[in-house]
Protein backbone atom coordinates (compact mmCIF):
# COMPACT_ATOMS: atom_id res chain seq x y z
CA MET A 1 -25.37 138.46 123.40
CA ASN A 2 -26.63 138.84 126.93
CA GLU A 3 -23.88 139.52 129.17
CA MET A 4 -24.79 137.78 132.15
CA SER A 5 -21.91 135.77 134.05
CA ILE A 6 -22.50 132.21 134.46
CA GLU A 7 -20.02 129.36 135.49
CA SER A 8 -20.66 126.46 133.10
CA ASP A 9 -20.77 123.09 134.18
CA TYR A 10 -17.03 122.51 134.39
CA ASN A 11 -16.82 125.21 136.94
CA VAL A 12 -15.35 128.06 134.42
CA VAL A 13 -16.57 131.66 133.93
CA GLY A 14 -17.97 132.83 131.11
CA THR A 15 -21.23 134.86 129.94
CA ALA A 16 -24.33 133.26 128.63
CA GLY A 17 -26.05 134.69 125.28
CA ARG A 18 -28.06 133.86 122.15
CA ALA A 19 -26.67 133.66 118.75
CA ILE A 20 -29.11 132.91 115.32
CA THR A 21 -28.64 130.08 113.30
CA SER A 22 -28.70 130.01 109.36
CA ARG A 23 -32.36 129.72 109.76
CA GLY A 24 -33.17 132.38 112.09
CA ARG A 25 -33.99 130.54 115.55
CA LEU A 26 -32.21 131.69 118.58
CA VAL A 27 -29.56 128.91 120.59
CA LYS A 28 -28.11 129.93 123.60
CA VAL A 29 -24.38 129.84 123.95
CA TRP A 30 -21.34 130.98 126.20
CA LYS A 31 -18.46 132.96 125.91
CA PRO A 32 -15.58 132.77 127.99
CA ALA A 33 -14.40 134.83 130.53
CA GLU A 34 -10.90 136.00 129.08
CA GLY A 35 -9.09 135.33 132.00
CA ASN A 36 -10.20 131.39 131.51
CA SER A 37 -7.10 129.18 130.40
CA ILE A 38 -7.27 127.82 126.71
CA ASN A 39 -8.85 124.44 128.09
CA ASN A 40 -11.60 126.31 129.51
CA LYS A 41 -12.37 128.25 126.49
CA TYR A 42 -14.58 125.53 124.60
CA PHE A 43 -16.09 122.28 124.46
CA CYS A 44 -16.60 119.78 122.35
CA ASN A 45 -19.62 121.32 120.44
CA ARG A 46 -16.85 124.63 119.72
CA LEU A 47 -14.44 121.95 118.63
CA SER A 48 -17.42 120.21 116.19
CA LEU A 49 -19.18 123.14 114.62
CA ASP A 50 -16.44 125.92 115.10
CA PRO A 51 -18.11 128.66 116.09
CA TYR A 52 -15.44 129.47 119.13
CA ARG A 53 -12.56 130.46 116.31
CA ARG A 54 -15.27 132.46 114.26
CA TYR A 55 -17.33 134.22 117.03
CA GLY A 56 -15.78 133.82 120.29
CA TYR A 57 -18.59 131.68 121.73
CA SER A 58 -19.87 127.82 122.11
CA VAL A 59 -23.35 126.51 121.28
CA CYS A 60 -24.79 125.02 124.52
CA SER A 61 -25.74 121.43 124.38
CA GLY A 62 -28.97 119.77 124.47
CA SER A 63 -32.36 121.45 122.23
CA TYR A 64 -29.17 124.18 121.29
CA ILE A 65 -26.54 122.16 119.42
CA LEU A 66 -29.52 120.39 117.99
CA LYS A 67 -31.42 123.36 116.96
CA ALA A 68 -27.74 124.24 115.37
CA LEU A 69 -27.41 120.87 113.43
CA GLU A 70 -30.65 120.82 112.10
CA ASP A 71 -30.60 124.14 110.79
CA GLU A 72 -26.75 124.01 109.44
CA TYR A 73 -26.48 120.40 108.54
CA VAL A 74 -28.44 117.70 106.80
CA GLU A 75 -28.62 114.55 109.13
CA ILE A 76 -27.35 111.24 106.99
CA GLY A 77 -27.94 108.82 109.31
CA VAL A 78 -28.54 107.16 113.11
CA GLY A 79 -26.81 104.23 114.29
CA PRO A 80 -25.28 101.85 115.54
CA THR A 81 -28.22 99.96 114.56
CA ARG A 82 -28.15 100.65 111.07
CA GLN A 83 -25.13 99.84 109.68
CA ASN A 84 -25.56 101.69 106.44
CA ALA A 85 -25.75 105.00 108.55
CA ILE A 86 -22.11 104.94 109.77
CA SER A 87 -20.74 103.23 106.36
CA GLY A 88 -21.84 106.76 104.75
CA VAL A 89 -19.26 108.68 106.65
CA ILE A 90 -17.08 111.41 105.39
CA LEU A 91 -14.04 113.34 106.51
CA GLY A 92 -15.79 116.34 107.66
CA ASP A 93 -19.12 115.15 109.27
CA ILE A 94 -20.24 115.39 112.68
CA VAL A 95 -21.24 112.54 115.22
CA SER A 96 -23.74 113.57 117.87
CA PHE A 97 -24.10 111.72 120.82
CA SER A 98 -27.70 111.47 122.80
CA ASN A 99 -28.24 110.26 126.36
CA LEU A 100 -31.52 107.81 127.00
CA ASN A 101 -33.98 111.09 126.53
CA GLU A 102 -32.63 111.72 123.07
CA VAL A 103 -30.51 114.92 124.54
CA ILE A 104 -27.55 115.88 122.68
CA ILE A 105 -24.55 115.61 125.15
CA HIS A 106 -21.83 115.34 123.43
CA THR A 107 -19.93 116.03 119.39
CA ALA A 108 -17.48 115.17 117.39
CA VAL A 109 -15.78 115.24 114.25
CA VAL A 110 -15.00 113.06 112.11
CA ILE A 111 -10.90 113.02 110.57
CA ASN A 112 -10.10 109.69 109.10
CA VAL A 113 -12.56 107.20 107.20
CA PRO A 114 -11.07 103.56 107.20
CA VAL A 115 -10.72 102.28 103.20
CA PHE A 116 -13.66 100.23 101.70
CA ILE A 117 -15.87 101.29 104.43
CA GLN A 118 -18.65 99.88 103.11
CA ARG A 119 -16.86 96.27 102.94
CA LEU A 120 -16.33 96.54 106.91
CA THR A 121 -18.68 95.20 109.72
CA GLU A 122 -20.01 97.77 111.99
CA GLN A 123 -17.65 96.84 114.57
CA ASN A 124 -14.80 97.21 112.30
CA ILE A 125 -16.10 100.39 111.66
CA PHE A 126 -16.34 101.67 114.93
CA GLU A 127 -12.37 100.70 115.67
CA THR A 128 -10.87 102.30 113.09
CA LEU A 129 -13.15 105.56 112.55
CA MET A 130 -11.23 108.15 113.95
CA VAL A 131 -12.72 111.38 115.30
CA TRP A 132 -11.33 114.64 116.82
CA ILE A 133 -12.89 115.39 120.17
CA LYS A 134 -12.89 117.81 123.71
CA ASN A 135 -14.40 115.98 126.50
CA GLY A 136 -15.26 119.17 128.59
CA THR A 137 -11.83 120.82 130.40
CA ARG A 138 -9.81 118.24 128.60
CA LEU A 139 -7.47 118.34 125.62
CA GLU A 140 -8.16 118.08 122.29
CA CYS A 141 -7.89 114.40 121.18
CA VAL A 142 -7.82 112.18 118.36
CA GLN A 143 -9.47 108.69 119.31
CA SER A 144 -11.66 106.14 117.72
CA LEU A 145 -15.12 106.17 117.13
CA LEU A 146 -15.65 102.81 119.98
CA ILE A 147 -13.37 104.21 122.19
CA THR A 148 -15.41 107.92 122.37
CA ARG A 149 -18.83 105.82 122.39
CA CYS A 150 -17.79 103.22 125.03
CA ARG A 151 -15.36 104.71 127.76
CA ASP A 152 -15.94 108.52 127.01
CA ILE A 153 -19.32 109.19 126.22
CA HIS A 154 -22.02 106.67 127.56
CA ALA A 155 -24.47 107.75 124.90
CA PRO A 156 -26.63 104.97 123.33
CA THR A 157 -28.17 107.09 120.44
CA MET A 158 -25.61 108.36 117.66
CA ARG A 159 -26.45 110.20 114.69
CA TYR A 160 -24.36 111.75 111.70
CA TRP A 161 -24.22 114.94 110.38
CA ARG A 162 -23.09 116.75 107.26
CA ALA A 163 -22.82 120.46 106.54
CA ARG A 164 -24.86 121.55 103.84
């Protein structure tokens, strides 16, 4: 990793660096300073993909997290417009949220899938499917996908990923 001191978007100190995906592509990562509080040591992408626990860094959002997802996961669908994409999710899948420019700005982990998900309406799936999230320096929490999409993350495109 390049040891260049930076401040993240959340005004917490750390170092910028690079990591290599399983397919050999470089991604930008962020490693927190030792003095940061636990909530300032990682963000959503660390929680979703788990590189902080394993390697001590978080993959940066945007094109970097997209590379990591493309190389480490299989995309299983885009939503919410296609109901079959969301109805196929299982525990452990990743949900990515993109802005109008299709830049990934947030990720979450599916931790509870409703029984008989294929029979539910898309709205009911969003209300009952639970994800594990961390927004910025806030605490980790569990929310319905509907709350995450509408209240916390104002992102029109959701994509679903499964570990290879």
